[in-house]
Amino acid sequence: MTAFSQEHAPDRFPDQAAQQPQGHSRRWLILGVICLAQLTVLLDNTVLNVAIPSLTRELDASTADIQWMINAYSLVQSGLLLTAGNAADRYGRKRMLIVGLVLFGVGSLVAGLADSTGRLIAARAGMGVGGALLLTTTLAVVMQIFTHEEQPRAIGIWAAVNSLGFAAGPLVGGFMLNHFWWGAIFLVNLPVAALGLAAVAAYVPESKNRQGDRPDLFGAVLSTLGMAALVYAIISGPEHGWTSGRVLATAAAAVLVLGAFAYWESRIPHPMLDLNFFRNPRFTASVGGLVLITFGMGGALFLLTQYLQFVLGYGPLEAGLRTAPMALTVVALNFTGVGTKWAAKLGTPLSIALGMALMAGGLVSIATLTEHGYTGTLLGLVLIGAGTAIGSPVMSHAIMSSIPREKAGVGAGINGTLNEFGNGLGVAVLGAVLNARFAALVPVAASSLPVALAAAGSESERVRITGAYSSGLETSLLMGALAVLLGGLIAAALLHRADRADRPDQADSGEKA
């Protein structure tokens, strides 16, 4: 008999509440430990952005070098999320958490002491491997140690740490660069990783799926290559052009490899990703909703950061401070439990509808009120933060609770992959809309704001160029708001329909009992 029951029909999903054991006695302490480990990983998603001038100067890094320093981390991390989650389920979530911390710490040490661009890129790739293990195992452990009733609040805190990490990256990086050399932004990870390692070893319980099937190595390779190719196509599209040979070839390869992955997973007896998950309407609705949440949040933050720096003239640190209210709102609502209480009162479908409506309202506020000063931007950031605080944990919990507990690592991998995909898609799609509008208004600029501003011969021309960029920002954010709102309403309707479909089944099972 296994530690967690493996007996479930391939096209049915057991009630997670019925399976859920009593919570771990030190679960809140353990949550703090794994959030500390997770925060370190998330900081490195954005901390490097503020160090670009220093790296260019001190390592003589080219533009391509800088891009690979940033992309090596995100490509490896996003490509390995499903594989890392599967490894955690099979070999032990605590064990993989420890391995992830060690890899991340070693990668940080090599990155901090790197004396060449090649070594730094390789170190960032190694950090991406550790990051993939940490992001999947932390959420999987949350699902193991908390009761079904406590999981929404625990996931809310976990999600708040996500937002805090992304927002604090530029702030931490700016502070370190003001006092130390560029390598310090990586070496600061070492004491945090060491503390996390000791705490994980002491407090986090081991849990794993003890089923004796062979690991799905071929599926892991296909998943990693396919997701890495897809993410690379998305992040390179704005630079090289969506119709360029490089982007089209990479996107085509991603589709072919991921198609082969889906076919392979449907044919083997013990797949890494059980495609029957997608037969569950609750799961599929939550998947779509989570992509749209990260689509709106990631795309808006990317465009707004550019607007603050290129149009309003703020430095990276100042721009980071002015976008921080979004993350602070998420942290405030989720750490205090307010977001969870609202979600519990409203229920999952209404919580998702409300969260997405607030996000859409925030995007509209930034689009239409930013030109009148920071007040409209602040209102938009707070609304997006409130919508994220309500909708994102509910969506993540709906995904995780739709998957058997013994597959919690794979569920966390799916959750992380959706976050990466939605964020990249938001940057790509909203950025493409902005660039198209900007290029139509300023044809000579070839859709490049910095180049256009550098070539401007007069102040009136600079005003015309920044006005065109603002118009493009407004168009892209309004389109993003519409997509988020419609997606939220559709996801809420599907979840409501799934709830109604579940009630007769529950009633029938009660009568039979």
Protein backbone atom coordinates (compact mmCIF):
# COMPACT_ATOMS: atom_id res chain seq x y z
CA MET A 1 0.00 0.00 0.00
CA THR A 2 1.40 3.43 -0.92
CA ALA A 3 1.69 6.50 1.27
CA PHE A 4 -0.86 8.23 -0.94
CA SER A 5 -3.54 6.20 -2.67
CA GLN A 6 -2.90 5.65 -6.39
CA GLU A 7 -6.29 4.14 -7.16
CA HIS A 8 -8.29 6.49 -9.28
CA ALA A 9 -10.02 5.96 -12.61
CA PRO A 10 -8.18 7.67 -15.46
CA ASP A 11 -11.09 9.91 -16.33
CA ARG A 12 -12.26 10.73 -12.83
CA PHE A 13 -10.81 12.98 -10.18
CA PRO A 14 -11.39 12.12 -6.53
CA ASP A 15 -12.65 14.63 -4.02
CA GLN A 16 -9.52 16.16 -2.55
CA ALA A 17 -11.21 17.01 0.72
CA ALA A 18 -12.02 13.37 1.29
CA GLN A 19 -8.41 12.34 0.76
CA GLN A 20 -6.82 15.18 2.70
CA PRO A 21 -5.06 14.10 5.89
CA GLN A 22 -4.78 16.16 9.03
CA GLY A 23 -2.45 19.14 8.60
CA HIS A 24 1.18 18.95 9.68
CA SER A 25 1.76 20.27 13.21
CA ARG A 26 4.41 22.76 12.01
CA ARG A 27 2.77 23.62 8.71
CA TRP A 28 2.89 27.42 9.10
CA LEU A 29 6.56 27.35 10.02
CA ILE A 30 7.24 25.10 7.04
CA LEU A 31 5.31 27.51 4.81
CA GLY A 32 7.62 30.31 5.94
CA VAL A 33 10.66 28.18 5.15
CA ILE A 34 9.58 27.26 1.63
CA CYS A 35 8.44 30.82 0.89
CA LEU A 36 11.94 32.01 1.82
CA ALA A 37 13.43 29.54 -0.65
CA GLN A 38 10.93 30.56 -3.30
CA LEU A 39 11.55 34.29 -2.80
CA THR A 40 15.22 33.86 -3.64
CA VAL A 41 14.34 32.27 -6.98
CA LEU A 42 11.76 34.89 -7.89
CA LEU A 43 14.08 37.79 -7.14
CA ASP A 44 16.44 36.53 -9.82
CA ASN A 45 13.72 36.71 -12.47
CA THR A 46 14.02 40.52 -12.47
CA VAL A 47 17.11 41.48 -10.44
CA LEU A 48 19.46 41.28 -13.44
CA ASN A 49 17.60 43.99 -15.37
CA VAL A 50 19.05 46.82 -13.29
CA ALA A 51 22.60 45.46 -13.65
CA ILE A 52 22.64 45.62 -17.46
CA PRO A 53 24.67 48.87 -17.66
CA SER A 54 27.27 47.54 -15.21
CA LEU A 55 27.57 44.21 -17.06
CA THR A 56 27.91 45.97 -20.39
CA ARG A 57 30.71 48.14 -19.02
CA GLU A 58 32.67 45.70 -16.83
CA LEU A 59 32.34 42.45 -18.83
CA ASP A 60 32.24 44.15 -22.23
CA ALA A 61 28.95 42.35 -22.82
CA SER A 62 27.20 42.75 -26.16
CA THR A 63 23.45 43.10 -26.58
CA ALA A 64 23.24 39.41 -27.49
CA ASP A 65 25.24 38.50 -24.37
CA ILE A 66 22.85 40.49 -22.17
CA GLN A 67 19.83 38.83 -23.75
CA TRP A 68 21.24 35.36 -23.12
CA MET A 69 22.16 36.26 -19.51
CA ILE A 70 18.49 37.06 -18.94
CA ASN A 71 16.96 34.37 -21.16
CA ALA A 72 19.20 31.46 -20.07
CA TYR A 73 17.59 31.56 -16.64
CA SER A 74 13.98 31.86 -17.80
CA LEU A 75 14.29 29.39 -20.70
CA VAL A 76 15.84 26.62 -18.60
CA GLN A 77 13.44 27.25 -15.71
CA SER A 78 10.26 27.30 -17.82
CA GLY A 79 11.38 24.33 -19.92
CA LEU A 80 12.05 22.14 -16.87
CA LEU A 81 9.00 22.93 -14.72
CA LEU A 82 6.96 19.86 -15.70
CA THR A 83 9.99 17.58 -15.51
CA ALA A 84 10.99 19.02 -12.14
CA GLY A 85 7.48 18.50 -10.78
CA ASN A 86 7.47 14.90 -11.96
CA ALA A 87 10.88 14.29 -10.36
CA ALA A 88 9.61 15.73 -7.06
CA ASP A 89 6.60 13.40 -7.09
CA ARG A 90 8.71 10.36 -7.87
CA TYR A 91 11.92 10.89 -5.89
CA GLY A 92 10.65 12.98 -2.98
CA ARG A 93 9.59 16.60 -2.69
CA LYS A 94 11.89 17.36 0.25
CA ARG A 95 14.82 15.77 -1.55
CA MET A 96 14.22 17.79 -4.72
CA LEU A 97 13.77 20.96 -2.65
CA ILE A 98 17.21 20.39 -1.14
CA VAL A 99 18.74 19.62 -4.55
CA GLY A 100 17.14 22.79 -5.95
CA LEU A 101 18.57 24.95 -3.16
CA VAL A 102 22.05 23.47 -3.64
CA LEU A 103 21.98 23.98 -7.41
CA PHE A 104 20.65 27.50 -7.04
CA GLY A 105 23.30 28.37 -4.44
CA VAL A 106 26.18 26.95 -6.49
CA GLY A 107 24.90 28.74 -9.59
CA SER A 108 24.69 32.01 -7.66
CA LEU A 109 28.27 31.60 -6.43
CA VAL A 110 29.61 30.95 -9.95
CA ALA A 111 27.57 33.87 -11.33
CA GLY A 112 28.80 36.27 -8.66
CA LEU A 113 32.45 35.40 -9.35
CA ALA A 114 32.14 35.12 -13.15
CA ASP A 115 34.80 36.95 -15.12
CA SER A 116 33.35 36.37 -18.57
CA THR A 117 29.96 36.55 -20.23
CA GLY A 118 30.07 32.84 -21.16
CA ARG A 119 30.60 31.78 -17.56
CA LEU A 120 27.81 34.04 -16.34
CA ILE A 121 25.38 32.68 -18.95
CA ALA A 122 26.23 29.09 -17.95
CA ALA A 123 25.79 29.95 -14.27
CA ARG A 124 22.39 31.51 -14.97
CA ALA A 125 21.32 28.32 -16.77
CA GLY A 126 22.37 26.28 -13.72
CA MET A 127 20.38 28.62 -11.49
CA GLY A 128 17.39 28.00 -13.78
CA VAL A 129 17.57 24.25 -13.08
CA GLY A 130 17.54 24.91 -9.33
CA GLY A 131 14.76 27.44 -9.75
CA ALA A 132 12.52 24.97 -11.60
CA LEU A 133 12.94 22.43 -8.77
CA LEU A 134 12.19 25.03 -6.10
CA LEU A 135 9.11 26.55 -7.74
CA THR A 136 7.44 23.17 -8.25
CA THR A 137 8.33 21.55 -4.92
CA THR A 138 7.27 24.52 -2.79
CA LEU A 139 3.67 24.47 -4.06
CA ALA A 140 3.58 20.66 -3.97
CA VAL A 141 4.66 20.69 -0.31
CA VAL A 142 1.91 23.22 0.50
CA MET A 143 -0.67 20.80 -0.89
CA GLN A 144 0.73 17.99 1.28
CA ILE A 145 0.99 19.68 4.69
CA PHE A 146 -2.21 21.78 4.83
CA THR A 147 -5.78 20.63 5.21
CA HIS A 148 -8.24 21.20 2.39
CA GLU A 149 -9.79 24.12 4.30
CA GLU A 150 -6.43 25.81 4.93
CA GLN A 151 -5.02 25.34 1.44
CA PRO A 152 -6.60 28.50 -0.10
CA ARG A 153 -5.02 30.78 2.51
CA ALA A 154 -1.66 28.98 2.30
CA ILE A 155 -1.69 29.25 -1.50
CA GLY A 156 -2.65 32.92 -1.13
CA ILE A 157 0.50 33.54 0.93
CA TRP A 158 2.53 31.51 -1.56
CA ALA A 159 1.11 33.61 -4.41
CA ALA A 160 1.83 36.84 -2.50
CA VAL A 161 5.48 35.83 -2.25
CA ASN A 162 5.45 35.40 -6.03
CA SER A 163 4.31 39.00 -6.50
CA LEU A 164 6.71 40.27 -3.84
CA GLY A 165 9.64 38.55 -5.55
CA PHE A 166 8.94 40.05 -8.96
CA ALA A 167 8.42 43.54 -7.56
CA ALA A 168 11.37 43.48 -5.14
CA GLY A 169 13.90 42.25 -7.73
CA PRO A 170 14.68 45.67 -9.25
CA LEU A 171 14.62 47.31 -5.79
CA VAL A 172 17.07 44.80 -4.28
CA GLY A 173 19.25 44.97 -7.38
CA GLY A 174 19.30 48.77 -7.34
CA PHE A 175 20.23 48.87 -3.65
CA MET A 176 23.05 46.33 -4.08
CA LEU A 177 24.47 48.14 -7.12
CA ASN A 178 24.47 51.44 -5.23
CA HIS A 179 26.72 49.93 -2.54
CA PHE A 180 28.60 47.01 -4.13
CA TRP A 181 29.78 45.65 -7.49
CA TRP A 182 27.46 43.79 -9.84
CA GLY A 183 28.40 40.30 -8.56
CA ALA A 184 26.80 41.11 -5.20
CA ILE A 185 23.31 40.72 -6.70
CA PHE A 186 24.07 37.00 -7.01
CA LEU A 187 26.20 36.45 -3.90
CA VAL A 188 23.41 37.82 -1.69
CA ASN A 189 21.54 34.60 -2.53
CA LEU A 190 24.10 32.46 -0.70
CA PRO A 191 23.14 33.16 2.94
CA VAL A 192 19.44 32.91 2.07
CA ALA A 193 19.98 29.59 0.27
CA ALA A 194 22.06 28.28 3.19
CA LEU A 195 19.39 29.28 5.72
CA GLY A 196 16.69 27.72 3.56
CA LEU A 197 18.71 24.53 3.20
CA ALA A 198 19.11 24.14 6.95
CA ALA A 199 15.44 24.89 7.60
CA VAL A 200 14.20 22.50 4.91
CA ALA A 201 16.40 19.70 6.23
CA ALA A 202 15.12 20.29 9.77
CA TYR A 203 11.42 20.92 9.31
CA VAL A 204 10.00 19.92 5.90
CA PRO A 205 8.58 16.36 5.87
CA GLU A 206 9.31 14.01 2.99
CA SER A 207 6.48 12.97 0.69
CA LYS A 208 6.49 11.23 -2.67
CA ASN A 209 4.54 8.99 -5.01
CA ARG A 210 5.93 5.51 -4.32
CA GLN A 211 4.41 3.88 -7.40
CA GLY A 212 7.04 1.67 -9.02
CA ASP A 213 6.69 2.74 -12.64
CA ARG A 214 9.71 3.68 -14.71
CA PRO A 215 10.43 7.40 -15.14
CA ASP A 216 9.09 8.93 -18.35
CA LEU A 217 12.49 10.06 -19.68
CA PHE A 218 11.40 10.52 -23.28
CA GLY A 219 8.41 12.59 -22.17
CA ALA A 220 10.69 14.72 -19.99
CA VAL A 221 12.98 15.44 -22.95
CA LEU A 222 10.07 16.34 -25.24
CA SER A 223 8.45 18.53 -22.58
CA THR A 224 11.67 20.42 -21.85
CA LEU A 225 12.57 21.02 -25.50
CA GLY A 226 9.01 21.96 -26.49
CA MET A 227 8.41 24.43 -23.68
CA ALA A 228 11.86 26.02 -24.05
CA ALA A 229 11.26 26.47 -27.79
CA LEU A 230 7.80 27.96 -27.19
CA VAL A 231 9.03 30.44 -24.58
CA TYR A 232 12.00 31.40 -26.76
CA ALA A 233 9.69 32.10 -29.72
CA ILE A 234 7.51 34.33 -27.53
CA ILE A 235 10.33 36.35 -25.97
CA SER A 236 12.29 36.76 -29.23
CA GLY A 237 9.29 37.78 -31.35
CA PRO A 238 9.29 41.48 -30.40
CA GLU A 239 13.00 41.84 -31.20
CA HIS A 240 13.37 39.79 -34.40
CA GLY A 241 9.84 40.23 -35.75
CA TRP A 242 6.96 37.76 -35.57
CA THR A 243 7.33 36.82 -39.24
CA SER A 244 11.10 36.36 -39.12
CA GLY A 245 12.53 32.97 -40.04
CA ARG A 246 14.03 32.48 -36.58
CA VAL A 247 10.76 33.06 -34.71
CA LEU A 248 8.59 31.07 -37.15
CA ALA A 249 11.02 28.13 -37.19
CA THR A 250 11.24 28.07 -33.39
CA ALA A 251 7.45 28.32 -33.00
CA ALA A 252 6.92 25.53 -35.55
CA ALA A 253 9.45 23.34 -33.73
CA ALA A 254 7.66 24.02 -30.44
CA VAL A 255 4.30 22.99 -31.90
CA LEU A 256 5.72 19.80 -33.41
CA VAL A 257 7.62 18.78 -30.28
CA LEU A 258 4.73 19.55 -27.92
CA GLY A 259 2.38 17.67 -30.26
CA ALA A 260 4.73 14.69 -30.13
CA PHE A 261 4.82 15.06 -26.33
CA ALA A 262 1.00 14.95 -26.11
CA TYR A 263 0.87 11.90 -28.42
CA TRP A 264 3.55 10.09 -26.40
CA GLU A 265 1.85 10.87 -23.08
CA SER A 266 -1.45 9.48 -24.40
CA ARG A 267 0.16 6.18 -25.41
CA ILE A 268 2.22 5.12 -22.38
CA PRO A 269 0.77 3.48 -19.23
CA HIS A 270 2.41 5.83 -16.70
CA PRO A 271 2.72 9.28 -18.32
CA MET A 272 4.49 12.24 -16.78
CA LEU A 273 1.45 14.40 -17.62
CA ASP A 274 -1.88 12.59 -17.51
CA LEU A 275 -3.88 14.14 -20.37
CA ASN A 276 -7.08 12.99 -18.66
CA PHE A 277 -6.64 16.02 -16.38
CA PHE A 278 -7.98 18.08 -19.27
CA ARG A 279 -11.27 16.14 -19.22
CA ASN A 280 -12.06 17.81 -15.93
CA PRO A 281 -13.94 21.06 -16.74
CA ARG A 282 -12.80 22.61 -13.46
CA PHE A 283 -9.18 22.02 -14.43
CA THR A 284 -9.50 23.34 -17.99
CA ALA A 285 -11.41 26.47 -16.89
CA SER A 286 -8.80 27.21 -14.23
CA VAL A 287 -5.98 26.70 -16.73
CA GLY A 288 -7.46 29.28 -19.09
CA GLY A 289 -8.15 31.75 -16.31
CA LEU A 290 -4.65 31.54 -14.85
CA VAL A 291 -3.06 32.19 -18.25
CA LEU A 292 -5.20 35.32 -18.64
CA ILE A 293 -4.37 36.61 -15.15
CA THR A 294 -0.65 36.41 -15.83
CA PHE A 295 -1.26 37.69 -19.37
CA GLY A 296 -2.78 40.92 -18.05
CA MET A 297 -0.42 41.38 -15.11
CA GLY A 298 2.81 40.55 -16.96
CA GLY A 299 1.97 42.53 -20.09
CA ALA A 300 0.79 45.60 -18.18
CA LEU A 301 3.85 45.66 -15.92
CA PHE A 302 6.22 45.30 -18.87
CA LEU A 303 4.62 48.14 -20.86
CA LEU A 304 4.19 50.42 -17.87
CA THR A 305 7.84 50.01 -16.85
CA GLN A 306 8.91 51.09 -20.35
CA TYR A 307 6.53 54.05 -20.22
CA LEU A 308 7.89 55.23 -16.88
CA GLN A 309 11.50 55.01 -18.08
CA PHE A 310 11.37 56.08 -21.73
CA VAL A 311 8.52 58.61 -21.64
CA LEU A 312 8.59 60.00 -18.10
CA GLY A 313 12.36 59.66 -17.71
CA TYR A 314 12.56 57.63 -14.47
CA GLY A 315 15.52 55.38 -13.76
CA PRO A 316 15.08 51.62 -13.25
CA LEU A 317 14.97 51.92 -9.46
CA GLU A 318 12.48 54.81 -9.54
CA ALA A 319 10.30 52.96 -12.06
CA GLY A 320 10.40 49.88 -9.83
CA LEU A 321 9.27 51.92 -6.84
CA ARG A 322 6.36 53.36 -8.80
CA THR A 323 5.12 49.95 -9.92
CA ALA A 324 5.52 48.42 -6.43
CA PRO A 325 1.95 49.26 -5.25
CA MET A 326 0.60 46.39 -7.37
CA ALA A 327 2.71 43.81 -5.56
CA LEU A 328 2.18 45.48 -2.20
CA THR A 329 -1.59 45.23 -2.67
CA VAL A 330 -1.29 41.51 -3.39
CA VAL A 331 0.93 41.02 -0.33
CA ALA A 332 -1.37 43.04 1.95
CA LEU A 333 -4.56 41.25 0.92
CA ASN A 334 -3.10 37.73 0.94
CA PHE A 335 -0.86 37.90 4.00
CA THR A 336 -3.72 39.30 6.08
CA GLY A 337 -6.11 36.68 4.73
CA VAL A 338 -8.54 39.29 3.40
CA GLY A 339 -8.35 37.97 -0.17
CA THR A 340 -9.00 34.42 1.02
CA LYS A 341 -12.01 35.51 3.10
CA TRP A 342 -13.55 37.30 0.14
CA ALA A 343 -12.99 34.28 -2.06
CA ALA A 344 -14.53 31.93 0.53
CA LYS A 345 -17.66 34.09 0.79
CA LEU A 346 -18.08 34.50 -2.96
CA GLY A 347 -17.16 30.99 -4.08
CA THR A 348 -14.72 30.09 -6.83
CA PRO A 349 -16.67 31.24 -9.95
CA LEU A 350 -17.62 34.65 -8.53
CA SER A 351 -14.13 35.16 -7.07
CA ILE A 352 -12.58 34.60 -10.48
CA ALA A 353 -15.10 36.90 -12.18
CA LEU A 354 -14.50 39.64 -9.60
CA GLY A 355 -10.72 39.25 -9.73
CA MET A 356 -10.59 39.48 -13.52
CA ALA A 357 -13.03 42.43 -13.55
CA LEU A 358 -10.79 44.31 -11.10
CA MET A 359 -7.75 43.55 -13.24
CA ALA A 360 -9.55 44.76 -16.36
CA GLY A 361 -10.58 47.95 -14.53
CA GLY A 362 -6.96 48.50 -13.52
CA LEU A 363 -5.77 48.15 -17.11
CA VAL A 364 -8.42 50.64 -18.26
CA SER A 365 -7.36 53.08 -15.52
CA ILE A 366 -3.71 52.95 -16.59
CA ALA A 367 -4.66 53.26 -20.26
CA THR A 368 -6.93 56.27 -19.89
CA LEU A 369 -5.69 58.16 -16.82
CA THR A 370 -1.89 57.84 -16.92
CA GLU A 371 -1.43 60.96 -19.03
CA HIS A 372 -3.08 63.01 -16.27
CA GLY A 373 -0.43 62.05 -13.70
CA TYR A 374 0.57 59.19 -11.44
CA THR A 375 -2.81 59.03 -9.65
CA GLY A 376 -4.46 57.13 -12.48
CA THR A 377 -1.49 54.75 -12.67
CA LEU A 378 -1.60 54.18 -8.92
CA LEU A 379 -5.32 53.42 -9.04
CA GLY A 380 -4.76 50.96 -11.88
CA LEU A 381 -1.92 49.20 -10.07
CA VAL A 382 -3.99 48.82 -6.90
CA LEU A 383 -6.94 47.42 -8.87
CA ILE A 384 -4.71 44.93 -10.71
CA GLY A 385 -3.13 43.93 -7.41
CA ALA A 386 -6.53 43.43 -5.77
CA GLY A 387 -7.76 41.36 -8.71
CA THR A 388 -4.64 39.23 -8.64
CA ALA A 389 -4.91 38.73 -4.87
CA ILE A 390 -8.47 37.42 -5.22
CA GLY A 391 -8.29 35.53 -8.51
CA SER A 392 -4.79 34.01 -8.69
CA PRO A 393 -4.85 31.90 -5.47
CA VAL A 394 -8.37 30.67 -6.26
CA MET A 395 -7.26 29.68 -9.74
CA SER A 396 -4.11 27.93 -8.50
CA HIS A 397 -6.08 26.07 -5.83
CA ALA A 398 -8.69 25.01 -8.39
CA ILE A 399 -5.91 23.56 -10.57
CA MET A 400 -4.12 21.81 -7.72
CA SER A 401 -7.30 20.43 -6.14
CA SER A 402 -8.37 18.98 -9.50
CA ILE A 403 -5.29 16.74 -9.54
CA PRO A 404 -4.68 13.67 -7.34
CA ARG A 405 -2.44 14.43 -4.36
CA GLU A 406 0.25 12.00 -5.48
CA LYS A 407 0.67 14.17 -8.62
CA ALA A 408 1.05 17.44 -6.70
CA GLY A 409 4.50 18.07 -8.17
CA VAL A 410 3.21 17.76 -11.73
CA GLY A 411 0.30 20.02 -10.78
CA ALA A 412 2.76 22.63 -9.49
CA GLY A 413 4.72 22.23 -12.73
CA ILE A 414 1.57 22.91 -14.74
CA ASN A 415 0.82 25.94 -12.56
CA GLY A 416 4.32 27.32 -13.02
CA THR A 417 4.33 26.65 -16.76
CA LEU A 418 1.04 28.50 -17.15
CA ASN A 419 2.44 31.48 -15.24
CA GLU A 420 5.51 31.59 -17.48
CA PHE A 421 3.44 31.15 -20.63
CA GLY A 422 0.83 33.76 -19.67
CA ASN A 423 3.46 36.31 -18.68
CA GLY A 424 5.42 35.82 -21.89
CA LEU A 425 2.25 35.90 -23.97
CA GLY A 426 1.14 39.14 -22.31
CA VAL A 427 4.47 40.82 -23.03
CA ALA A 428 4.47 39.54 -26.62
CA VAL A 429 0.85 40.28 -27.60
CA LEU A 430 0.39 43.62 -25.83
CA GLY A 431 3.88 44.67 -26.89
CA ALA A 432 3.08 43.81 -30.53
CA VAL A 433 -0.14 45.87 -30.41
CA LEU A 434 1.74 48.83 -28.93
CA ASN A 435 4.53 48.59 -31.52
CA ALA A 436 2.07 48.35 -34.41
CA ARG A 437 0.20 51.45 -33.24
CA PHE A 438 3.44 53.33 -32.56
CA ALA A 439 4.92 52.44 -35.97
CA ALA A 440 1.72 53.60 -37.69
CA LEU A 441 1.96 57.01 -36.02
CA VAL A 442 5.75 57.38 -36.29
CA PRO A 443 6.77 55.38 -39.40
CA VAL A 444 10.39 56.55 -39.47
CA ALA A 445 10.97 55.20 -35.98
CA ALA A 446 10.51 51.59 -37.09
CA SER A 447 8.57 51.02 -33.84
CA SER A 448 11.65 51.67 -31.63
CA LEU A 449 11.01 54.37 -29.05
CA PRO A 450 14.65 54.84 -27.85
CA VAL A 451 15.91 55.13 -31.44
CA ALA A 452 13.14 57.56 -32.34
CA LEU A 453 13.85 59.76 -29.32
CA ALA A 454 17.58 59.75 -30.04
CA ALA A 455 16.92 60.84 -33.64
CA ALA A 456 14.42 63.55 -32.68
CA GLY A 457 15.64 66.94 -33.90
CA SER A 458 13.42 69.17 -31.78
CA GLU A 459 11.37 69.21 -28.63
CA SER A 460 8.13 69.25 -30.60
CA GLU A 461 9.22 66.10 -32.41
CA ARG A 462 10.02 64.42 -29.08
CA VAL A 463 6.55 65.35 -27.82
CA ARG A 464 4.98 63.85 -30.96
CA ILE A 465 6.97 60.63 -30.51
CA THR A 466 6.10 60.19 -26.83
CA GLY A 467 2.49 60.99 -27.65
CA ALA A 468 2.48 58.22 -30.25
CA TYR A 469 3.93 55.80 -27.71
CA SER A 470 1.26 56.80 -25.17
CA SER A 471 -1.42 56.19 -27.80
CA GLY A 472 0.02 52.74 -28.48
CA LEU A 473 0.12 52.00 -24.75
CA GLU A 474 -3.54 52.99 -24.41
CA THR A 475 -4.63 50.76 -27.32
CA SER A 476 -2.69 47.73 -26.09
CA LEU A 477 -3.87 48.02 -22.49
CA LEU A 478 -7.51 48.42 -23.54
CA MET A 479 -7.23 45.29 -25.68
CA GLY A 480 -5.63 43.50 -22.75
CA ALA A 481 -8.46 44.62 -20.47
CA LEU A 482 -11.06 43.26 -22.88
CA ALA A 483 -9.26 39.91 -23.14
CA VAL A 484 -8.91 39.60 -19.36
CA LEU A 485 -12.56 40.50 -18.71
CA LEU A 486 -13.99 38.14 -21.33
CA GLY A 487 -11.64 35.36 -20.25
CA GLY A 488 -12.63 35.82 -16.62
CA LEU A 489 -16.33 35.67 -17.41
CA ILE A 490 -15.88 32.53 -19.54
CA ALA A 491 -13.75 30.82 -16.86
CA ALA A 492 -16.28 31.73 -14.17
CA ALA A 493 -19.17 30.38 -16.28
CA LEU A 494 -17.32 27.10 -16.94
CA LEU A 495 -16.50 26.67 -13.25
CA HIS A 496 -20.10 27.42 -12.28
CA ARG A 497 -21.23 24.80 -14.78
CA ALA A 498 -18.72 22.30 -13.35
CA ASP A 499 -20.04 22.97 -9.83
CA ARG A 500 -23.61 22.31 -10.96
CA ALA A 501 -22.52 19.11 -12.68
CA ASP A 502 -20.78 17.93 -9.49
CA ARG A 503 -23.86 18.39 -7.26
CA PRO A 504 -26.00 15.59 -8.76
CA ASP A 505 -23.01 13.22 -8.58
CA GLN A 506 -22.48 14.07 -4.93
CA ALA A 507 -26.19 13.65 -4.22
CA ASP A 508 -26.25 10.28 -5.97
CA SER A 509 -23.22 9.05 -4.03
CA GLY A 510 -24.87 10.19 -0.79
CA GLU A 511 -28.06 8.26 -1.58
CA LYS A 512 -26.07 5.12 -2.42
CA ALA A 513 -24.16 5.44 0.83
